[in-house]
Amino acid sequence: LTADAFETFTEGKGPYDAAVAERL
């Protein structure tokens, strides 16, 4: 899950993508 979830950030605006962080 971890590896897949971090790719959500990298597919977006990067590790500090605010929208992805809020979904998380």
PDB file of all heavy atoms in Angstrom:
ATOM      1  N   LEU A   1       0.831  -1.204   0.000  1.00  0.00           N
ATOM      2  CA  LEU A   1       0.000   0.000   0.000  1.00  0.00           C
ATOM      3  C   LEU A   1       0.865   1.255   0.000  1.00  0.00           C
ATOM      4  O   LEU A   1       0.587   2.229  -0.709  1.00  0.00           O
ATOM      5  CB  LEU A   1      -0.915   0.011   1.235  1.00  0.00           C
ATOM      6  CG  LEU A   1      -1.835  -1.182   1.455  1.00  0.00           C
ATOM      7  CD1 LEU A   1      -2.596  -1.014   2.768  1.00  0.00           C
ATOM      8  CD2 LEU A   1      -2.803  -1.356   0.306  1.00  0.00           C
ATOM      9  N   THR A   2       1.936   1.211   0.805  1.00  0.00           N
ATOM     10  CA  THR A   2       2.820   2.366   0.947  1.00  0.00           C
ATOM     11  C   THR A   2       3.413   2.796  -0.390  1.00  0.00           C
ATOM     12  O   THR A   2       3.393   3.974  -0.751  1.00  0.00           O
ATOM     13  CB  THR A   2       3.959   2.013   1.920  1.00  0.00           C
ATOM     14  OG1 THR A   2       3.410   1.762   3.208  1.00  0.00           O
ATOM     15  CG2 THR A   2       4.973   3.119   2.010  1.00  0.00           C
ATOM     16  N   ALA A   3       3.981   1.828  -1.097  1.00  0.00           N
ATOM     17  CA  ALA A   3       4.622   2.132  -2.379  1.00  0.00           C
ATOM     18  C   ALA A   3       3.612   2.701  -3.363  1.00  0.00           C
ATOM     19  O   ALA A   3       3.884   3.683  -4.072  1.00  0.00           O
ATOM     20  CB  ALA A   3       5.274   0.868  -2.936  1.00  0.00           C
ATOM     21  N   ASP A   4       2.444   2.102  -3.389  1.00  0.00           N
ATOM     22  CA  ASP A   4       1.398   2.558  -4.300  1.00  0.00           C
ATOM     23  C   ASP A   4       0.916   3.957  -3.908  1.00  0.00           C
ATOM     24  O   ASP A   4       0.701   4.823  -4.757  1.00  0.00           O
ATOM     25  CB  ASP A   4       0.236   1.560  -4.274  1.00  0.00           C
ATOM     26  CG  ASP A   4      -0.826   1.868  -5.311  1.00  0.00           C
ATOM     27  OD1 ASP A   4      -0.526   1.785  -6.514  1.00  0.00           O
ATOM     28  OD2 ASP A   4      -1.955   2.210  -4.909  1.00  0.00           O
ATOM     29  N   ALA A   5       0.776   4.183  -2.601  1.00  0.00           N
ATOM     30  CA  ALA A   5       0.274   5.478  -2.127  1.00  0.00           C
ATOM     31  C   ALA A   5       1.256   6.605  -2.415  1.00  0.00           C
ATOM     32  O   ALA A   5       0.851   7.713  -2.792  1.00  0.00           O
ATOM     33  CB  ALA A   5      -0.014   5.406  -0.624  1.00  0.00           C
ATOM     34  N   PHE A   6       2.547   6.342  -2.240  1.00  0.00           N
ATOM     35  CA  PHE A   6       3.522   7.409  -2.490  1.00  0.00           C
ATOM     36  C   PHE A   6       3.543   7.784  -3.968  1.00  0.00           C
ATOM     37  O   PHE A   6       3.803   8.945  -4.314  1.00  0.00           O
ATOM     38  CB  PHE A   6       4.912   7.014  -2.018  1.00  0.00           C
ATOM     39  CG  PHE A   6       5.871   8.170  -1.988  1.00  0.00           C
ATOM     40  CD1 PHE A   6       5.692   9.213  -1.085  1.00  0.00           C
ATOM     41  CD2 PHE A   6       6.939   8.234  -2.865  1.00  0.00           C
ATOM     42  CE1 PHE A   6       6.560  10.294  -1.057  1.00  0.00           C
ATOM     43  CE2 PHE A   6       7.816   9.312  -2.847  1.00  0.00           C
ATOM     44  CZ  PHE A   6       7.630  10.347  -1.938  1.00  0.00           C
ATOM     45  N   GLU A   7       3.263   6.821  -4.831  1.00  0.00           N
ATOM     46  CA  GLU A   7       3.191   7.139  -6.254  1.00  0.00           C
ATOM     47  C   GLU A   7       2.023   8.080  -6.552  1.00  0.00           C
ATOM     48  O   GLU A   7       2.036   8.782  -7.560  1.00  0.00           O
ATOM     49  CB  GLU A   7       3.100   5.865  -7.089  1.00  0.00           C
ATOM     50  CG  GLU A   7       4.412   5.092  -7.135  1.00  0.00           C
ATOM     51  CD  GLU A   7       4.434   3.978  -8.172  1.00  0.00           C
ATOM     52  OE1 GLU A   7       3.369   3.702  -8.786  1.00  0.00           O
ATOM     53  OE2 GLU A   7       5.518   3.392  -8.384  1.00  0.00           O
ATOM     54  N   THR A   8       1.030   8.108  -5.672  1.00  0.00           N
ATOM     55  CA  THR A   8      -0.046   9.086  -5.825  1.00  0.00           C
ATOM     56  C   THR A   8       0.511  10.500  -5.730  1.00  0.00           C
ATOM     57  O   THR A   8       0.097  11.402  -6.464  1.00  0.00           O
ATOM     58  CB  THR A   8      -1.116   8.895  -4.728  1.00  0.00           C
ATOM     59  OG1 THR A   8      -1.425   7.513  -4.602  1.00  0.00           O
ATOM     60  CG2 THR A   8      -2.389   9.653  -5.057  1.00  0.00           C
ATOM     61  N   PHE A   9       1.448  10.697  -4.802  1.00  0.00           N
ATOM     62  CA  PHE A   9       2.089  12.007  -4.668  1.00  0.00           C
ATOM     63  C   PHE A   9       2.976  12.311  -5.878  1.00  0.00           C
ATOM     64  O   PHE A   9       2.926  13.409  -6.435  1.00  0.00           O
ATOM     65  CB  PHE A   9       2.933  12.055  -3.387  1.00  0.00           C
ATOM     66  CG  PHE A   9       2.130  12.227  -2.132  1.00  0.00           C
ATOM     67  CD1 PHE A   9       1.673  11.122  -1.422  1.00  0.00           C
ATOM     68  CD2 PHE A   9       1.829  13.493  -1.638  1.00  0.00           C
ATOM     69  CE1 PHE A   9       0.942  11.274  -0.255  1.00  0.00           C
ATOM     70  CE2 PHE A   9       1.090  13.656  -0.472  1.00  0.00           C
ATOM     71  CZ  PHE A   9       0.646  12.540   0.221  1.00  0.00           C
ATOM     72  N   THR A  10       3.798  11.340  -6.268  1.00  0.00           N
ATOM     73  CA  THR A  10       4.735  11.603  -7.365  1.00  0.00           C
ATOM     74  C   THR A  10       4.022  11.749  -8.702  1.00  0.00           C
ATOM     75  O   THR A  10       4.527  12.414  -9.608  1.00  0.00           O
ATOM     76  CB  THR A  10       5.787  10.487  -7.446  1.00  0.00           C
ATOM     77  OG1 THR A  10       5.139   9.213  -7.616  1.00  0.00           O
ATOM     78  CG2 THR A  10       6.634  10.454  -6.178  1.00  0.00           C
ATOM     79  N   GLU A  11       2.851  11.140  -8.829  1.00  0.00           N
ATOM     80  CA  GLU A  11       2.048  11.328 -10.038  1.00  0.00           C
ATOM     81  C   GLU A  11       1.384  12.699 -10.049  1.00  0.00           C
ATOM     82  O   GLU A  11       0.944  13.178 -11.088  1.00  0.00           O
ATOM     83  CB  GLU A  11       0.968  10.244 -10.131  1.00  0.00           C
ATOM     84  CG  GLU A  11       1.511   8.852 -10.439  1.00  0.00           C
ATOM     85  CD  GLU A  11       0.492   7.750 -10.149  1.00  0.00           C
ATOM     86  OE1 GLU A  11      -0.658   8.104  -9.753  1.00  0.00           O
ATOM     87  OE2 GLU A  11       0.823   6.563 -10.284  1.00  0.00           O
ATOM     88  N   GLY A  12       1.297  13.321  -8.874  1.00  0.00           N
ATOM     89  CA  GLY A  12       0.706  14.654  -8.766  1.00  0.00           C
ATOM     90  C   GLY A  12       1.788  15.715  -8.789  1.00  0.00           C
ATOM     91  O   GLY A  12       2.687  15.700  -9.637  1.00  0.00           O
ATOM     92  N   LYS A  13       1.745  16.591  -7.795  1.00  0.00           N
ATOM     93  CA  LYS A  13       2.692  17.709  -7.763  1.00  0.00           C
ATOM     94  C   LYS A  13       3.921  17.413  -6.904  1.00  0.00           C
ATOM     95  O   LYS A  13       4.732  18.297  -6.650  1.00  0.00           O
ATOM     96  CB  LYS A  13       1.988  18.962  -7.234  1.00  0.00           C
ATOM     97  CG  LYS A  13       0.844  19.445  -8.123  1.00  0.00           C
ATOM     98  CD  LYS A  13       0.137  20.648  -7.494  1.00  0.00           C
ATOM     99  CE  LYS A  13      -1.029  21.110  -8.364  1.00  0.00           C
ATOM    100  NZ  LYS A  13      -1.770  22.244  -7.743  1.00  0.00           N
ATOM    101  N   GLY A  14       4.055  16.179  -6.434  1.00  0.00           N
ATOM    102  CA  GLY A  14       5.218  15.822  -5.641  1.00  0.00           C
ATOM    103  C   GLY A  14       4.862  15.477  -4.207  1.00  0.00           C
ATOM    104  O   GLY A  14       3.682  15.482  -3.821  1.00  0.00           O
ATOM    105  N   PRO A  15       5.871  15.167  -3.380  1.00  0.00           N
ATOM    106  CA  PRO A  15       5.626  14.682  -2.012  1.00  0.00           C
ATOM    107  C   PRO A  15       4.823  15.627  -1.129  1.00  0.00           C
ATOM    108  O   PRO A  15       4.231  15.180  -0.144  1.00  0.00           O
ATOM    109  CB  PRO A  15       7.044  14.498  -1.456  1.00  0.00           C
ATOM    110  CG  PRO A  15       7.903  14.307  -2.653  1.00  0.00           C
ATOM    111  CD  PRO A  15       7.301  15.158  -3.720  1.00  0.00           C
ATOM    112  N   TYR A  16       4.797  16.916  -1.476  1.00  0.00           N
ATOM    113  CA  TYR A  16       4.078  17.868  -0.625  1.00  0.00           C
ATOM    114  C   TYR A  16       2.834  18.408  -1.319  1.00  0.00           C
ATOM    115  O   TYR A  16       2.368  19.507  -1.011  1.00  0.00           O
ATOM    116  CB  TYR A  16       5.028  18.993  -0.203  1.00  0.00           C
ATOM    117  CG  TYR A  16       6.180  18.462   0.617  1.00  0.00           C
ATOM    118  CD1 TYR A  16       7.396  18.124   0.005  1.00  0.00           C
ATOM    119  CD2 TYR A  16       6.050  18.244   1.980  1.00  0.00           C
ATOM    120  CE1 TYR A  16       8.455  17.606   0.743  1.00  0.00           C
ATOM    121  CE2 TYR A  16       7.104  17.722   2.730  1.00  0.00           C
ATOM    122  CZ  TYR A  16       8.296  17.398   2.106  1.00  0.00           C
ATOM    123  OH  TYR A  16       9.327  16.877   2.849  1.00  0.00           O
ATOM    124  N   ASP A  17       2.281  17.598  -2.224  1.00  0.00           N
ATOM    125  CA  ASP A  17       1.045  17.962  -2.922  1.00  0.00           C
ATOM    126  C   ASP A  17      -0.074  18.085  -1.888  1.00  0.00           C
ATOM    127  O   ASP A  17      -0.487  17.101  -1.268  1.00  0.00           O
ATOM    128  CB  ASP A  17       0.710  16.881  -3.951  1.00  0.00           C
ATOM    129  CG  ASP A  17      -0.455  17.259  -4.856  1.00  0.00           C
ATOM    130  OD1 ASP A  17      -1.436  17.845  -4.356  1.00  0.00           O
ATOM    131  OD2 ASP A  17      -0.398  16.950  -6.063  1.00  0.00           O
ATOM    132  N   ALA A  18      -0.581  19.292  -1.689  1.00  0.00           N
ATOM    133  CA  ALA A  18      -1.558  19.566  -0.625  1.00  0.00           C
ATOM    134  C   ALA A  18      -2.858  18.807  -0.838  1.00  0.00           C
ATOM    135  O   ALA A  18      -3.481  18.335   0.125  1.00  0.00           O
ATOM    136  CB  ALA A  18      -1.826  21.067  -0.532  1.00  0.00           C
ATOM    137  N   ALA A  19      -3.290  18.675  -2.096  1.00  0.00           N
ATOM    138  CA  ALA A  19      -4.562  17.998  -2.377  1.00  0.00           C
ATOM    139  C   ALA A  19      -4.463  16.509  -2.049  1.00  0.00           C
ATOM    140  O   ALA A  19      -5.383  15.922  -1.457  1.00  0.00           O
ATOM    141  CB  ALA A  19      -4.950  18.203  -3.840  1.00  0.00           C
ATOM    142  N   VAL A  20      -3.348  15.894  -2.425  1.00  0.00           N
ATOM    143  CA  VAL A  20      -3.165  14.471  -2.124  1.00  0.00           C
ATOM    144  C   VAL A  20      -3.018  14.273  -0.613  1.00  0.00           C
ATOM    145  O   VAL A  20      -3.573  13.326  -0.044  1.00  0.00           O
ATOM    146  CB  VAL A  20      -1.935  13.913  -2.871  1.00  0.00           C
ATOM    147  CG1 VAL A  20      -1.721  12.437  -2.515  1.00  0.00           C
ATOM    148  CG2 VAL A  20      -2.114  14.061  -4.379  1.00  0.00           C
ATOM    149  N   ALA A  21      -2.284  15.172   0.047  1.00  0.00           N
ATOM    150  CA  ALA A  21      -2.120  15.076   1.498  1.00  0.00           C
ATOM    151  C   ALA A  21      -3.460  15.172   2.216  1.00  0.00           C
ATOM    152  O   ALA A  21      -3.701  14.458   3.196  1.00  0.00           O
ATOM    153  CB  ALA A  21      -1.177  16.169   1.992  1.00  0.00           C
ATOM    154  N   GLU A  22      -4.333  16.029   1.727  1.00  0.00           N
ATOM    155  CA  GLU A  22      -5.648  16.162   2.345  1.00  0.00           C
ATOM    156  C   GLU A  22      -6.469  14.893   2.158  1.00  0.00           C
ATOM    157  O   GLU A  22      -7.168  14.452   3.073  1.00  0.00           O
ATOM    158  CB  GLU A  22      -6.388  17.372   1.755  1.00  0.00           C
ATOM    159  CG  GLU A  22      -7.827  17.538   2.228  1.00  0.00           C
ATOM    160  CD  GLU A  22      -7.979  17.653   3.737  1.00  0.00           C
ATOM    161  OE1 GLU A  22      -6.990  18.013   4.425  1.00  0.00           O
ATOM    162  OE2 GLU A  22      -9.086  17.377   4.240  1.00  0.00           O
ATOM    163  N   ARG A  23      -6.392  14.272   0.971  1.00  0.00           N
ATOM    164  CA  ARG A  23      -7.091  12.990   0.752  1.00  0.00           C
ATOM    165  C   ARG A  23      -6.535  11.914   1.685  1.00  0.00           C
ATOM    166  O   ARG A  23      -7.287  11.084   2.210  1.00  0.00           O
ATOM    167  CB  ARG A  23      -6.940  12.532  -0.697  1.00  0.00           C
ATOM    168  CG  ARG A  23      -7.721  13.324  -1.712  1.00  0.00           C
ATOM    169  CD  ARG A  23      -8.134  12.484  -2.930  1.00  0.00           C
ATOM    170  NE  ARG A  23      -7.070  11.675  -3.485  1.00  0.00           N
ATOM    171  CZ  ARG A  23      -6.189  12.086  -4.393  1.00  0.00           C
ATOM    172  NH1 ARG A  23      -6.220  13.350  -4.807  1.00  0.00           N
ATOM    173  NH2 ARG A  23      -5.273  11.259  -4.867  1.00  0.00           N
ATOM    174  N   LEU A  24      -5.221  11.938   1.881  1.00  0.00           N
ATOM    175  CA  LEU A  24      -4.590  10.966   2.772  1.00  0.00           C
ATOM    176  C   LEU A  24      -5.066  11.168   4.205  1.00  0.00           C
ATOM    177  O   LEU A  24      -5.416  10.207   4.898  1.00  0.00           O
ATOM    178  CB  LEU A  24      -3.070  11.113   2.692  1.00  0.00           C
ATOM    179  CG  LEU A  24      -2.241  10.134   3.512  1.00  0.00           C
ATOM    180  CD1 LEU A  24      -2.330   8.729   2.942  1.00  0.00           C
ATOM    181  CD2 LEU A  24      -0.772  10.585   3.562  1.00  0.00           C
TER     182      LEU A  24
END
